[in-house]
Amino acid sequence: MTDKREPDHWLARPETIRKLWAALIAFLVLLLAAQLAFPNHGHFGLDNTFGFAAWFGFIACVLLVVGAKALAIFLKRPDTYYDD
């Protein structure tokens, strides 16, 4: 009997995932470098710094994840919650 496996989806292949990560990182670096050509005119002192949107977005995302983990401690139900 022959083993006929269906080929993996192109998005599930490790080489495709590596290429997508590399493309994403290159795109983000280009966006950050574009700030050199198009300077930012912030309204406050902090938002006028280089790469503000990048580091502010990253810190906000980390804080949201940490906050969600902390909130899950209080809202978590036991595994047998829906059992009779």
N, C-alpha and C. Protein backbone atom coordinates (compact mmCIF):
# COMPACT_ATOMS: atom_id res chain seq x y z
N MET A 1 0.84 -1.16 0.00
CA MET A 1 0.00 0.00 0.00
C MET A 1 0.90 1.24 0.00
N THR A 2 0.58 2.18 -0.84
CA THR A 2 1.40 3.39 -0.94
C THR A 2 0.88 4.45 0.02
N ASP A 3 1.80 5.20 0.54
CA ASP A 3 1.45 6.27 1.47
C ASP A 3 1.29 7.56 0.68
N LYS A 4 0.03 7.91 0.39
CA LYS A 4 -0.24 9.12 -0.36
C LYS A 4 -0.70 10.21 0.60
N ARG A 5 0.25 10.98 1.02
CA ARG A 5 -0.09 12.11 1.89
C ARG A 5 -0.37 13.32 1.01
N GLU A 6 -1.37 14.07 1.42
CA GLU A 6 -1.63 15.30 0.70
C GLU A 6 -0.54 16.31 1.05
N PRO A 7 -0.12 17.07 0.08
CA PRO A 7 0.92 18.07 0.38
C PRO A 7 0.39 19.13 1.34
N ASP A 8 1.29 19.62 2.17
CA ASP A 8 0.90 20.67 3.11
C ASP A 8 0.45 21.91 2.37
N HIS A 9 -0.41 22.65 3.00
CA HIS A 9 -0.82 23.93 2.44
C HIS A 9 0.41 24.83 2.36
N TRP A 10 0.46 25.70 1.38
CA TRP A 10 1.67 26.50 1.19
C TRP A 10 1.92 27.44 2.36
N LEU A 11 0.90 27.80 3.12
CA LEU A 11 1.10 28.66 4.28
C LEU A 11 1.59 27.88 5.50
N ALA A 12 1.50 26.56 5.45
CA ALA A 12 1.92 25.74 6.58
C ALA A 12 3.35 25.24 6.44
N ARG A 13 3.97 25.48 5.30
CA ARG A 13 5.34 25.01 5.09
C ARG A 13 6.32 25.89 5.86
N PRO A 14 7.33 25.28 6.49
CA PRO A 14 8.29 26.08 7.28
C PRO A 14 9.04 27.12 6.45
N GLU A 15 9.38 26.80 5.22
CA GLU A 15 10.12 27.78 4.41
C GLU A 15 9.24 28.98 4.06
N THR A 16 7.95 28.76 3.87
CA THR A 16 7.04 29.86 3.60
C THR A 16 6.87 30.73 4.83
N ILE A 17 6.79 30.11 5.99
CA ILE A 17 6.64 30.87 7.23
C ILE A 17 7.87 31.73 7.45
N ARG A 18 9.08 31.19 7.20
CA ARG A 18 10.30 31.98 7.33
C ARG A 18 10.31 33.16 6.37
N LYS A 19 9.86 32.94 5.14
CA LYS A 19 9.81 34.02 4.15
C LYS A 19 8.81 35.09 4.55
N LEU A 20 7.67 34.68 5.10
CA LEU A 20 6.67 35.65 5.54
C LEU A 20 7.19 36.49 6.71
N TRP A 21 7.87 35.85 7.67
CA TRP A 21 8.46 36.59 8.78
C TRP A 21 9.51 37.57 8.28
N ALA A 22 10.35 37.13 7.35
CA ALA A 22 11.38 38.02 6.81
C ALA A 22 10.75 39.20 6.08
N ALA A 23 9.69 38.95 5.32
CA ALA A 23 9.01 40.03 4.60
C ALA A 23 8.36 41.00 5.59
N LEU A 24 7.76 40.49 6.64
CA LEU A 24 7.13 41.34 7.64
C LEU A 24 8.15 42.22 8.34
N ILE A 25 9.27 41.63 8.74
CA ILE A 25 10.32 42.39 9.41
C ILE A 25 10.90 43.45 8.48
N ALA A 26 11.13 43.09 7.22
CA ALA A 26 11.65 44.06 6.25
C ALA A 26 10.66 45.21 6.06
N PHE A 27 9.38 44.91 5.99
CA PHE A 27 8.36 45.93 5.83
C PHE A 27 8.33 46.87 7.04
N LEU A 28 8.43 46.31 8.24
CA LEU A 28 8.42 47.14 9.44
C LEU A 28 9.66 48.02 9.53
N VAL A 29 10.81 47.48 9.11
CA VAL A 29 12.04 48.28 9.10
C VAL A 29 11.91 49.41 8.08
N LEU A 30 11.32 49.13 6.92
CA LEU A 30 11.11 50.18 5.92
C LEU A 30 10.16 51.26 6.44
N LEU A 31 9.13 50.87 7.16
CA LEU A 31 8.22 51.86 7.74
C LEU A 31 8.93 52.72 8.77
N LEU A 32 9.79 52.11 9.55
CA LEU A 32 10.53 52.86 10.56
C LEU A 32 11.54 53.78 9.88
N ALA A 33 12.18 53.31 8.81
CA ALA A 33 13.14 54.14 8.08
C ALA A 33 12.45 55.27 7.34
N ALA A 34 11.20 55.10 6.98
CA ALA A 34 10.47 56.16 6.28
C ALA A 34 10.28 57.38 7.17
N GLN A 35 10.38 57.18 8.46
CA GLN A 35 10.23 58.31 9.37
C GLN A 35 11.42 59.26 9.25
N LEU A 36 12.55 58.78 8.74
CA LEU A 36 13.69 59.65 8.50
C LEU A 36 13.41 60.60 7.34
N ALA A 37 12.71 60.10 6.31
CA ALA A 37 12.38 60.92 5.15
C ALA A 37 11.19 61.83 5.41
N PHE A 38 10.26 61.36 6.22
CA PHE A 38 9.05 62.13 6.53
C PHE A 38 8.98 62.33 8.03
N PRO A 39 9.55 63.41 8.52
CA PRO A 39 9.62 63.60 9.97
C PRO A 39 8.24 63.72 10.61
N ASN A 40 8.19 63.31 11.85
CA ASN A 40 6.95 63.33 12.63
C ASN A 40 6.80 64.68 13.31
N HIS A 41 5.61 65.22 13.29
CA HIS A 41 5.32 66.48 13.99
C HIS A 41 4.29 66.17 15.07
N GLY A 42 4.79 65.77 16.23
CA GLY A 42 3.90 65.39 17.31
C GLY A 42 3.29 66.58 18.01
N HIS A 43 2.22 66.35 18.71
CA HIS A 43 1.53 67.40 19.45
C HIS A 43 2.06 67.51 20.87
N PHE A 44 2.62 66.44 21.40
CA PHE A 44 3.15 66.42 22.75
C PHE A 44 4.64 66.11 22.65
N GLY A 45 5.34 66.15 23.73
CA GLY A 45 6.79 65.92 23.70
C GLY A 45 7.16 64.49 23.39
N LEU A 46 6.40 63.55 23.92
CA LEU A 46 6.76 62.14 23.78
C LEU A 46 6.45 61.59 22.40
N ASP A 47 5.38 62.03 21.79
CA ASP A 47 5.02 61.48 20.49
C ASP A 47 5.83 62.08 19.35
N ASN A 48 6.78 62.93 19.67
CA ASN A 48 7.68 63.48 18.67
C ASN A 48 8.98 62.69 18.58
N THR A 49 9.13 61.64 19.37
CA THR A 49 10.36 60.85 19.36
C THR A 49 10.37 59.90 18.17
N PHE A 50 11.58 59.47 17.79
CA PHE A 50 11.74 58.58 16.65
C PHE A 50 11.15 57.20 16.96
N GLY A 51 10.35 56.70 16.07
CA GLY A 51 9.77 55.37 16.22
C GLY A 51 8.70 55.29 17.29
N PHE A 52 8.05 56.39 17.59
CA PHE A 52 7.05 56.42 18.67
C PHE A 52 5.95 55.40 18.45
N ALA A 53 5.41 55.35 17.24
CA ALA A 53 4.30 54.43 16.98
C ALA A 53 4.72 52.98 17.16
N ALA A 54 5.96 52.66 16.80
CA ALA A 54 6.44 51.27 16.91
C ALA A 54 6.58 50.86 18.36
N TRP A 55 7.32 51.64 19.15
CA TRP A 55 7.53 51.21 20.54
C TRP A 55 6.29 51.41 21.39
N PHE A 56 5.48 52.41 21.11
CA PHE A 56 4.24 52.59 21.87
C PHE A 56 3.26 51.46 21.59
N GLY A 57 3.15 51.05 20.33
CA GLY A 57 2.28 49.94 19.98
C GLY A 57 2.73 48.64 20.61
N PHE A 58 4.05 48.41 20.63
CA PHE A 58 4.58 47.18 21.24
C PHE A 58 4.31 47.16 22.74
N ILE A 59 4.59 48.27 23.41
CA ILE A 59 4.35 48.33 24.86
C ILE A 59 2.86 48.18 25.17
N ALA A 60 2.00 48.81 24.37
CA ALA A 60 0.56 48.69 24.59
C ALA A 60 0.10 47.25 24.41
N CYS A 61 0.63 46.56 23.41
CA CYS A 61 0.27 45.16 23.18
C CYS A 61 0.71 44.28 24.36
N VAL A 62 1.92 44.49 24.84
CA VAL A 62 2.42 43.71 25.98
C VAL A 62 1.55 43.96 27.21
N LEU A 63 1.20 45.22 27.45
CA LEU A 63 0.36 45.53 28.61
C LEU A 63 -1.04 44.92 28.49
N LEU A 64 -1.58 44.87 27.28
CA LEU A 64 -2.89 44.24 27.09
C LEU A 64 -2.83 42.74 27.36
N VAL A 65 -1.77 42.09 26.93
CA VAL A 65 -1.63 40.65 27.17
C VAL A 65 -1.46 40.38 28.66
N VAL A 66 -0.62 41.16 29.32
CA VAL A 66 -0.41 40.97 30.76
C VAL A 66 -1.71 41.26 31.52
N GLY A 67 -2.43 42.29 31.13
CA GLY A 67 -3.70 42.60 31.77
C GLY A 67 -4.74 41.50 31.56
N ALA A 68 -4.77 40.92 30.37
CA ALA A 68 -5.71 39.83 30.11
C ALA A 68 -5.37 38.60 30.94
N LYS A 69 -4.08 38.32 31.09
CA LYS A 69 -3.68 37.18 31.93
C LYS A 69 -4.08 37.41 33.38
N ALA A 70 -3.90 38.64 33.86
CA ALA A 70 -4.28 38.96 35.24
C ALA A 70 -5.79 38.89 35.42
N LEU A 71 -6.55 39.37 34.45
CA LEU A 71 -8.01 39.31 34.53
C LEU A 71 -8.51 37.87 34.48
N ALA A 72 -7.81 37.01 33.76
CA ALA A 72 -8.22 35.61 33.66
C ALA A 72 -8.13 34.90 35.00
N ILE A 73 -7.27 35.36 35.87
CA ILE A 73 -7.16 34.75 37.21
C ILE A 73 -8.48 34.89 37.96
N PHE A 74 -9.12 36.05 37.82
CA PHE A 74 -10.36 36.30 38.54
C PHE A 74 -11.59 35.76 37.83
N LEU A 75 -11.56 35.66 36.52
CA LEU A 75 -12.73 35.24 35.75
C LEU A 75 -12.74 33.77 35.36
N LYS A 76 -11.68 33.06 35.67
CA LYS A 76 -11.56 31.66 35.28
C LYS A 76 -12.55 30.79 36.03
N ARG A 77 -13.13 29.85 35.31
CA ARG A 77 -14.06 28.89 35.91
C ARG A 77 -13.37 27.52 35.98
N PRO A 78 -13.79 26.67 36.89
CA PRO A 78 -13.19 25.32 36.96
C PRO A 78 -13.53 24.51 35.72
N ASP A 79 -12.76 23.48 35.46
CA ASP A 79 -12.96 22.63 34.29
C ASP A 79 -14.31 21.93 34.32
N THR A 80 -14.84 21.71 35.48
CA THR A 80 -16.11 20.98 35.61
C THR A 80 -17.30 21.93 35.75
N TYR A 81 -17.18 23.15 35.31
CA TYR A 81 -18.21 24.18 35.48
C TYR A 81 -19.52 23.78 34.77
N TYR A 82 -19.43 23.22 33.57
CA TYR A 82 -20.63 22.90 32.81
C TYR A 82 -21.10 21.45 33.01
N ASP A 83 -20.41 20.69 33.81
CA ASP A 83 -20.84 19.32 34.08
C ASP A 83 -22.03 19.32 35.05
N ASP A 84 -22.82 18.25 34.97
CA ASP A 84 -23.99 18.15 35.88
C ASP A 84 -23.62 17.66 37.24
